[in-house]
Each structure stands twice: as C-alpha cells, then as structure tokens.
C-alpha atoms as a PDB file:
ATOM      1  CA  MET A   1      97.955 126.526 161.966  1.00  0.00           C
ATOM      2  CA  PRO A   2      98.175 122.839 161.044  1.00  0.00           C
ATOM      3  CA  ILE A   3      98.098 120.287 163.841  1.00  0.00           C
ATOM      4  CA  THR A   4     101.529 118.707 164.322  1.00  0.00           C
ATOM      5  CA  ASN A   5     100.555 116.002 166.814  1.00  0.00           C
ATOM      6  CA  GLU A   6     100.078 112.870 164.685  1.00  0.00           C
ATOM      7  CA  GLN A   7      97.617 111.233 167.090  1.00  0.00           C
ATOM      8  CA  VAL A   8      95.411 114.310 166.962  1.00  0.00           C
ATOM      9  CA  ALA A   9      95.768 114.790 163.198  1.00  0.00           C
ATOM     10  CA  GLU A  10      94.489 111.246 162.660  1.00  0.00           C
ATOM     11  CA  ARG A  11      91.624 111.460 165.187  1.00  0.00           C
ATOM     12  CA  ALA A  12      88.062 111.430 163.910  1.00  0.00           C
ATOM     13  CA  PHE A  13      86.555 113.720 166.550  1.00  0.00           C
ATOM     14  CA  LEU A  14      82.892 113.125 167.478  1.00  0.00           C
ATOM     15  CA  LYS A  15      82.913 109.984 165.318  1.00  0.00           C
ATOM     16  CA  GLN A  16      80.051 108.254 167.135  1.00  0.00           C
ATOM     17  CA  LEU A  17      77.874 111.352 166.822  1.00  0.00           C
ATOM     18  CA  TYR A  18      78.487 111.716 163.083  1.00  0.00           C
ATOM     19  CA  ALA A  19      77.274 108.121 162.709  1.00  0.00           C
ATOM     20  CA  ASP A  20      73.927 109.005 164.341  1.00  0.00           C
ATOM     21  CA  THR A  21      71.456 111.020 162.250  1.00  0.00           C
ATOM     22  CA  TYR A  22      69.990 112.554 165.433  1.00  0.00           C
ATOM     23  CA  PHE A  23      73.017 114.849 165.536  1.00  0.00           C
ATOM     24  CA  PRO A  24      73.152 117.320 162.620  1.00  0.00           C
ATOM     25  CA  ASP A  25      76.457 117.264 160.765  1.00  0.00           C
ATOM     26  CA  HIS A  26      76.596 121.043 160.355  1.00  0.00           C
ATOM     27  CA  VAL A  27      76.524 121.488 164.132  1.00  0.00           C
ATOM     28  CA  LEU A  28      78.933 118.612 164.708  1.00  0.00           C
ATOM     29  CA  ASP A  29      81.304 120.301 162.268  1.00  0.00           C
ATOM     30  CA  LYS A  30      81.338 123.300 164.614  1.00  0.00           C
ATOM     31  CA  GLY A  31      82.045 121.021 167.583  1.00  0.00           C
ATOM     32  CA  ARG A  32      84.871 119.348 165.695  1.00  0.00           C
ATOM     33  CA  ALA A  33      86.278 122.798 164.885  1.00  0.00           C
ATOM     34  CA  ILE A  34      86.198 123.692 168.606  1.00  0.00           C
ATOM     35  CA  LEU A  35      88.246 120.593 169.419  1.00  0.00           C
ATOM     36  CA  LEU A  36      90.740 121.331 166.648  1.00  0.00           C
ATOM     37  CA  ARG A  37      91.112 124.946 167.824  1.00  0.00           C
ATOM     38  CA  LEU A  38      91.754 123.606 171.319  1.00  0.00           C
ATOM     39  CA  CYS A  39      94.541 121.427 169.913  1.00  0.00           C
ATOM     40  CA  GLU A  40      95.980 124.379 168.013  1.00  0.00           C
ATOM     41  CA  ARG A  41      95.971 126.467 171.192  1.00  0.00           C
ATOM     42  CA  ILE A  42      97.673 123.689 173.144  1.00  0.00           C
ATOM     43  CA  GLU A  43     100.368 123.443 170.494  1.00  0.00           C
ATOM     44  CA  ALA A  44     100.809 127.215 170.323  1.00  0.00           C
ATOM     45  CA  GLU A  45     100.702 127.960 174.052  1.00  0.00           C
ATOM     46  CA  GLN A  46     102.249 124.707 175.308  1.00  0.00           C
ATOM     47  CA  PRO A  47     100.650 124.686 178.767  1.00  0.00           C
ATOM     48  CA  SER A  48     103.210 123.637 181.346  1.00  0.00           C
ATOM     49  CA  ASP A  49     100.817 122.048 183.833  1.00  0.00           C
ATOM     50  CA  LEU A  50      97.258 120.880 184.354  1.00  0.00           C
ATOM     51  CA  THR A  51      96.119 124.261 185.628  1.00  0.00           C
ATOM     52  CA  ALA A  52      97.204 125.908 182.374  1.00  0.00           C
ATOM     53  CA  LEU A  53      95.623 123.101 180.347  1.00  0.00           C
ATOM     54  CA  TYR A  54      92.335 123.463 182.213  1.00  0.00           C
ATOM     55  CA  VAL A  55      92.197 127.164 181.296  1.00  0.00           C
ATOM     56  CA  LEU A  56      92.281 126.148 177.628  1.00  0.00           C
ATOM     57  CA  THR A  57      89.796 123.288 177.962  1.00  0.00           C
ATOM     58  CA  HIS A  58      87.374 125.429 179.946  1.00  0.00           C
ATOM     59  CA  ALA A  59      87.371 128.011 177.152  1.00  0.00           C
ATOM     60  CA  ALA A  60      86.652 125.253 174.612  1.00  0.00           C
ATOM     61  CA  THR A  61      83.894 123.890 176.847  1.00  0.00           C
ATOM     62  CA  GLU A  62      82.297 127.339 176.926  1.00  0.00           C
ATOM     63  CA  GLU A  63      82.236 127.227 173.119  1.00  0.00           C
ATOM     64  CA  PHE A  64      80.391 123.899 173.299  1.00  0.00           C
ATOM     65  CA  ASN A  65      77.931 125.508 175.717  1.00  0.00           C
ATOM     66  CA  LEU A  66      77.069 128.019 172.989  1.00  0.00           C
ATOM     67  CA  LEU A  67      76.438 125.188 170.518  1.00  0.00           C
ATOM     68  CA  GLU A  68      73.568 123.825 172.610  1.00  0.00           C
ATOM     69  CA  ALA A  69      71.169 126.346 171.066  1.00  0.00           C
ATOM     70  CA  GLU A  70      72.221 125.300 167.574  1.00  0.00           C
ATOM     71  CA  PHE A  71      71.642 121.646 168.414  1.00  0.00           C
ATOM     72  CA  GLU A  72      68.174 122.527 169.726  1.00  0.00           C
ATOM     73  CA  ALA A  73      67.356 124.619 166.656  1.00  0.00           C
ATOM     74  CA  ALA A  74      68.177 121.578 164.542  1.00  0.00           C
ATOM     75  CA  GLY A  75      65.921 119.296 166.611  1.00  0.00           C
ATOM     76  CA  SER A  76      68.750 117.746 168.607  1.00  0.00           C
ATOM     77  CA  GLU A  77      70.534 118.328 171.901  1.00  0.00           C
ATOM     78  CA  ILE A  78      73.720 117.556 173.774  1.00  0.00           C
ATOM     79  CA  GLU A  79      72.313 114.577 175.632  1.00  0.00           C
ATOM     80  CA  THR A  80      73.934 111.592 177.332  1.00  0.00           C
ATOM     81  CA  VAL A  81      75.567 110.021 174.268  1.00  0.00           C
ATOM     82  CA  ALA A  82      76.849 113.396 173.072  1.00  0.00           C
ATOM     83  CA  ARG A  83      78.111 114.363 176.538  1.00  0.00           C
ATOM     84  CA  GLU A  84      80.082 111.131 176.793  1.00  0.00           C
ATOM     85  CA  GLU A  85      81.541 111.442 173.299  1.00  0.00           C
ATOM     86  CA  ILE A  86      82.567 115.075 173.810  1.00  0.00           C
ATOM     87  CA  ALA A  87      84.093 114.284 177.203  1.00  0.00           C
ATOM     88  CA  GLU A  88      85.986 111.337 175.706  1.00  0.00           C
ATOM     89  CA  ASP A  89      87.431 113.581 172.996  1.00  0.00           C
ATOM     90  CA  PHE A  90      88.548 116.145 175.586  1.00  0.00           C
ATOM     91  CA  GLY A  91      90.228 113.318 177.499  1.00  0.00           C
ATOM     92  CA  PHE A  92      91.905 112.096 174.317  1.00  0.00           C
ATOM     93  CA  VAL A  93      93.253 115.591 173.599  1.00  0.00           C
ATOM     94  CA  ALA A  94      94.694 115.930 177.099  1.00  0.00           C
ATOM     95  CA  SER A  95      96.343 112.517 176.865  1.00  0.00           C
ATOM     96  CA  ALA A  96      97.670 113.113 173.346  1.00  0.00           C
ATOM     97  CA  TYR A  97      99.483 116.197 174.584  1.00  0.00           C
ATOM     98  CA  GLY A  98     101.040 114.413 177.539  1.00  0.00           C
ATOM     99  CA  PHE A  99      98.494 115.233 180.249  1.00  0.00           C
ATOM    100  CA  LYS A 100      97.602 111.640 181.098  1.00  0.00           C
ATOM    101  CA  ASP A 101      96.660 112.630 184.668  1.00  0.00           C
ATOM    102  CA  ALA A 102      94.053 115.154 183.547  1.00  0.00           C
ATOM    103  CA  ASP A 103      90.652 114.657 185.160  1.00  0.00           C
ATOM    104  CA  ILE A 104      88.009 114.497 182.427  1.00  0.00           C
ATOM    105  CA  GLU A 105      85.380 116.110 184.646  1.00  0.00           C
ATOM    106  CA  GLU A 106      87.766 118.964 185.389  1.00  0.00           C
ATOM    107  CA  LEU A 107      88.576 119.362 181.692  1.00  0.00           C
ATOM    108  CA  ILE A 108      84.892 120.134 181.018  1.00  0.00           C
ATOM    109  CA  THR A 109      83.822 121.473 184.413  1.00  0.00           C
ATOM    110  CA  THR A 110      82.403 124.653 182.873  1.00  0.00           C
ATOM    111  CA  ARG A 111      79.875 122.695 180.817  1.00  0.00           C
ATOM    112  CA  ASP A 112      76.172 123.308 181.143  1.00  0.00           C
ATOM    113  CA  TRP A 113      75.132 120.260 179.125  1.00  0.00           C
END
C-alpha cells in the first residue's frame, strides 16, 4: 500500500544513521521498512486516539527490538545516536498523522535499546 501522507512520503527515515558508516545500511533498510509499515498501518487503521496509536507504535518498537541482534551481528548496535534518531522518527510519524500531543517516550515505551 503506497503512503498517501505527503510529509511521510518525502521523509528520509534514519537519515543521520545512513550517513554514519558505523550503522550497516542493510540493517537500516529493515528499520526504515518498519517505520514505513507503521505509517501504512496508521493510514489503514486510522487510530482515533493516542491509545490506539500507541498500540501500533509499540508493535513497531518490538520489531526494532528484534533488529538489535542484526546490528550486533554486523558490528554495530542501537546506541545513543541511533536511539535518538529512531525516537525522533517515531515522533515525526505521530505528528505527521495529527498526533502532535503524542509522548515520544510512550511511543517507544516497549523498547529494550
């Protein structure tokens, strides 16, 4: 399903991480795909409130949790810079879909990175 939100369609997710060779592109591609799937789910399910949005973002965060092993296998990790960039992208997604009051920490509360 193509993304219809123009802000999201134009967003270069994880941009800062792609610019840093410490983070392997093939793993970042999977992280980018997680964020795009989250956007697709938001567009398809149209959560009516923050509680419904958080259900979707928590599921996406769990997918990022699974990526940690792939980062480690590639000699990298989800460390401070990556955590901040991922959190920022989750915040952008919430805002782009009209959830400007979303708490970034709550969006990713299920993280273990």
